[in-house]
Amino acid sequence: QVQLVESGGGLVQAGGSLRLSCAAFGSIFSIDDQGWYRQAPGKRRELVARIGSGDSTNYADSVKGRFTISRDNTKSTVAKSTVYLQMNSLKPEDTAVYYCSALARGASYWGQGTQVTVSP
């Protein structure tokens, strides 16, 4: 089992930056891929960025050069893996609910979603 906790959304003006965080708890060593998706009102959920088990990354064409996904694995009393999405040069069309995802042993896990709103 994997639990995902997101943070970092909010309201920003066009051209600004935000950083989203997603902390994964539980069986983190079973995670193959982690990523961020987004869903705007009236639209389908779409992939924004993904990071694989070997830290390979891929991005949606609409965010290439502006967004960066990264991961920090730590070992402490609670095993945790945190995935970040650094979003720069934000545009109004980036407005959406952003969801963190993880794929572990064939099962998909999702965060609760965090709202990102970019004003003109």
C-alpha atoms as a PDB file:
ATOM      1  CA  GLN A   1       0.000   0.000   0.000  1.00  0.00           C
ATOM      2  CA  VAL A   2       1.114   3.528  -0.837  1.00  0.00           C
ATOM      3  CA  GLN A   3      -0.322   6.753   0.524  1.00  0.00           C
ATOM      4  CA  LEU A   4       0.212  10.051  -1.286  1.00  0.00           C
ATOM      5  CA  VAL A   5      -0.019  13.481   0.336  1.00  0.00           C
ATOM      6  CA  GLU A   6       0.176  16.573  -1.866  1.00  0.00           C
ATOM      7  CA  SER A   7       0.897  20.189  -1.057  1.00  0.00           C
ATOM      8  CA  GLY A   8       1.931  23.418  -2.740  1.00  0.00           C
ATOM      9  CA  GLY A   9      -0.952  24.517  -4.939  1.00  0.00           C
ATOM     10  CA  GLY A  10      -2.363  28.023  -4.950  1.00  0.00           C
ATOM     11  CA  LEU A  11      -3.035  31.184  -6.912  1.00  0.00           C
ATOM     12  CA  VAL A  12      -0.287  32.830  -8.945  1.00  0.00           C
ATOM     13  CA  GLN A  13      -0.087  35.411 -11.689  1.00  0.00           C
ATOM     14  CA  ALA A  14       0.936  34.452 -15.210  1.00  0.00           C
ATOM     15  CA  GLY A  15       4.703  34.188 -15.464  1.00  0.00           C
ATOM     16  CA  GLY A  16       5.042  33.167 -11.849  1.00  0.00           C
ATOM     17  CA  SER A  17       6.221  29.933 -10.266  1.00  0.00           C
ATOM     18  CA  LEU A  18       4.906  27.280  -7.907  1.00  0.00           C
ATOM     19  CA  ARG A  19       6.357  24.075  -6.543  1.00  0.00           C
ATOM     20  CA  LEU A  20       4.138  21.089  -5.837  1.00  0.00           C
ATOM     21  CA  SER A  21       5.195  18.350  -3.448  1.00  0.00           C
ATOM     22  CA  CYS A  22       3.905  14.813  -3.127  1.00  0.00           C
ATOM     23  CA  ALA A  23       5.042  12.667  -0.231  1.00  0.00           C
ATOM     24  CA  ALA A  24       4.639   8.925  -0.656  1.00  0.00           C
ATOM     25  CA  PHE A  25       4.407   6.779   2.449  1.00  0.00           C
ATOM     26  CA  GLY A  26       4.213   3.054   2.932  1.00  0.00           C
ATOM     27  CA  SER A  27       5.644   0.540   0.504  1.00  0.00           C
ATOM     28  CA  ILE A  28       7.728   3.121  -1.335  1.00  0.00           C
ATOM     29  CA  PHE A  29      10.334   0.602  -2.453  1.00  0.00           C
ATOM     30  CA  SER A  30       7.658  -1.086  -4.565  1.00  0.00           C
ATOM     31  CA  ILE A  31       7.051   2.121  -6.543  1.00  0.00           C
ATOM     32  CA  ASP A  32       8.007   1.947 -10.212  1.00  0.00           C
ATOM     33  CA  ASP A  33       6.873   5.316 -11.510  1.00  0.00           C
ATOM     34  CA  GLN A  34       5.630   8.549  -9.969  1.00  0.00           C
ATOM     35  CA  GLY A  35       4.087  11.433 -11.758  1.00  0.00           C
ATOM     36  CA  TRP A  36       1.814  14.412 -11.906  1.00  0.00           C
ATOM     37  CA  TYR A  37      -1.438  14.669 -13.827  1.00  0.00           C
ATOM     38  CA  ARG A  38      -3.855  17.554 -14.123  1.00  0.00           C
ATOM     39  CA  GLN A  39      -7.496  18.028 -14.906  1.00  0.00           C
ATOM     40  CA  ALA A  40      -9.026  21.299 -15.972  1.00  0.00           C
ATOM     41  CA  PRO A  41     -12.806  21.880 -15.800  1.00  0.00           C
ATOM     42  CA  GLY A  42     -14.561  20.066 -18.602  1.00  0.00           C
ATOM     43  CA  LYS A  43     -11.394  18.338 -19.763  1.00  0.00           C
ATOM     44  CA  ARG A  44      -9.891  14.895 -19.357  1.00  0.00           C
ATOM     45  CA  ARG A  45      -7.121  14.200 -16.891  1.00  0.00           C
ATOM     46  CA  GLU A  46      -3.772  14.442 -18.651  1.00  0.00           C
ATOM     47  CA  LEU A  47      -0.198  13.519 -17.867  1.00  0.00           C
ATOM     48  CA  VAL A  48       2.014  16.476 -16.981  1.00  0.00           C
ATOM     49  CA  ALA A  49       5.285  14.785 -16.029  1.00  0.00           C
ATOM     50  CA  ARG A  50       6.540  11.362 -14.996  1.00  0.00           C
ATOM     51  CA  ILE A  51       9.681  10.062 -13.309  1.00  0.00           C
ATOM     52  CA  GLY A  52      10.642   6.409 -13.571  1.00  0.00           C
ATOM     53  CA  SER A  53      12.425   4.056 -11.209  1.00  0.00           C
ATOM     54  CA  GLY A  54      15.764   4.989 -12.813  1.00  0.00           C
ATOM     55  CA  ASP A  55      14.920   8.685 -12.534  1.00  0.00           C
ATOM     56  CA  SER A  56      14.209   8.957 -16.247  1.00  0.00           C
ATOM     57  CA  THR A  57      11.667  11.672 -16.945  1.00  0.00           C
ATOM     58  CA  ASN A  58       9.158  12.632 -19.584  1.00  0.00           C
ATOM     59  CA  TYR A  59       6.896  15.635 -19.965  1.00  0.00           C
ATOM     60  CA  ALA A  60       3.820  16.740 -21.814  1.00  0.00           C
ATOM     61  CA  ASP A  61       4.767  18.917 -24.783  1.00  0.00           C
ATOM     62  CA  SER A  62       2.822  21.828 -23.309  1.00  0.00           C
ATOM     63  CA  VAL A  63       5.092  22.014 -20.234  1.00  0.00           C
ATOM     64  CA  LYS A  64       8.501  21.104 -21.639  1.00  0.00           C
ATOM     65  CA  GLY A  65      11.110  23.683 -20.708  1.00  0.00           C
ATOM     66  CA  ARG A  66       8.875  25.187 -18.021  1.00  0.00           C
ATOM     67  CA  PHE A  67       8.196  22.339 -15.562  1.00  0.00           C
ATOM     68  CA  THR A  68      10.696  20.050 -13.854  1.00  0.00           C
ATOM     69  CA  ILE A  69       9.920  16.842 -11.979  1.00  0.00           C
ATOM     70  CA  SER A  70      12.358  15.517  -9.388  1.00  0.00           C
ATOM     71  CA  ARG A  71      12.396  13.011  -6.557  1.00  0.00           C
ATOM     72  CA  ASP A  72      13.974  12.825  -3.121  1.00  0.00           C
ATOM     73  CA  ASN A  73      14.213   9.445  -1.406  1.00  0.00           C
ATOM     74  CA  THR A  74      14.963   9.537   2.282  1.00  0.00           C
ATOM     75  CA  LYS A  75      15.288   6.872   4.895  1.00  0.00           C
ATOM     76  CA  SER A  76      14.279   7.671   8.395  1.00  0.00           C
ATOM     77  CA  THR A  77      11.967   6.186  10.938  1.00  0.00           C
ATOM     78  CA  VAL A  78       9.296   6.546   8.283  1.00  0.00           C
ATOM     79  CA  ALA A  79      10.239   5.607   4.742  1.00  0.00           C
ATOM     80  CA  LYS A  80       9.219   8.431   2.481  1.00  0.00           C
ATOM     81  CA  SER A  81       9.682   9.380  -1.136  1.00  0.00           C
ATOM     82  CA  THR A  82       8.855  12.936  -2.152  1.00  0.00           C
ATOM     83  CA  VAL A  83       8.268  13.975  -5.727  1.00  0.00           C
ATOM     84  CA  TYR A  84       8.386  17.639  -6.667  1.00  0.00           C
ATOM     85  CA  LEU A  85       7.004  19.502  -9.632  1.00  0.00           C
ATOM     86  CA  GLN A  86       8.681  22.857 -10.125  1.00  0.00           C
ATOM     87  CA  MET A  87       6.463  24.972 -12.364  1.00  0.00           C
ATOM     88  CA  ASN A  88       7.920  28.129 -13.905  1.00  0.00           C
ATOM     89  CA  SER A  89       6.574  30.607 -16.441  1.00  0.00           C
ATOM     90  CA  LEU A  90       3.041  29.595 -15.560  1.00  0.00           C
ATOM     91  CA  LYS A  91       0.249  30.345 -18.003  1.00  0.00           C
ATOM     92  CA  PRO A  92      -3.506  30.676 -17.457  1.00  0.00           C
ATOM     93  CA  GLU A  93      -3.960  27.435 -19.400  1.00  0.00           C
ATOM     94  CA  ASP A  94      -1.998  25.630 -16.658  1.00  0.00           C
ATOM     95  CA  THR A  95      -4.958  26.195 -14.348  1.00  0.00           C
ATOM     96  CA  ALA A  96      -6.209  22.812 -13.160  1.00  0.00           C
ATOM     97  CA  VAL A  97      -6.382  20.402 -10.275  1.00  0.00           C
ATOM     98  CA  TYR A  98      -3.028  18.635 -10.109  1.00  0.00           C
ATOM     99  CA  TYR A  99      -2.901  15.029  -8.947  1.00  0.00           C
ATOM    100  CA  CYS A 100       0.100  13.068  -7.790  1.00  0.00           C
ATOM    101  CA  SER A 101       0.247   9.447  -8.882  1.00  0.00           C
ATOM    102  CA  ALA A 102       2.326   6.369  -8.161  1.00  0.00           C
ATOM    103  CA  LEU A 103       2.496   3.000  -9.870  1.00  0.00           C
ATOM    104  CA  ALA A 104       3.518   0.150  -7.601  1.00  0.00           C
ATOM    105  CA  ARG A 105       3.391  -3.553  -8.503  1.00  0.00           C
ATOM    106  CA  GLY A 106       0.754  -2.923 -11.139  1.00  0.00           C
ATOM    107  CA  ALA A 107      -1.507  -0.861  -8.888  1.00  0.00           C
ATOM    108  CA  SER A 108      -2.132   2.868  -9.327  1.00  0.00           C
ATOM    109  CA  TYR A 109      -2.368   5.241  -6.396  1.00  0.00           C
ATOM    110  CA  TRP A 110      -3.578   8.851  -6.425  1.00  0.00           C
ATOM    111  CA  GLY A 111      -3.328  11.869  -4.187  1.00  0.00           C
ATOM    112  CA  GLN A 112      -6.322  13.997  -3.262  1.00  0.00           C
ATOM    113  CA  GLY A 113      -5.444  16.738  -5.746  1.00  0.00           C
ATOM    114  CA  THR A 114      -4.293  20.317  -5.298  1.00  0.00           C
ATOM    115  CA  GLN A 115      -5.692  23.343  -7.113  1.00  0.00           C
ATOM    116  CA  VAL A 116      -3.399  25.501  -9.208  1.00  0.00           C
ATOM    117  CA  THR A 117      -4.894  28.738 -10.533  1.00  0.00           C
ATOM    118  CA  VAL A 118      -2.961  31.057 -12.828  1.00  0.00           C
ATOM    119  CA  SER A 119      -4.456  34.502 -13.334  1.00  0.00           C
ATOM    120  CA  PRO A 120      -3.812  36.502 -16.532  1.00  0.00           C
END
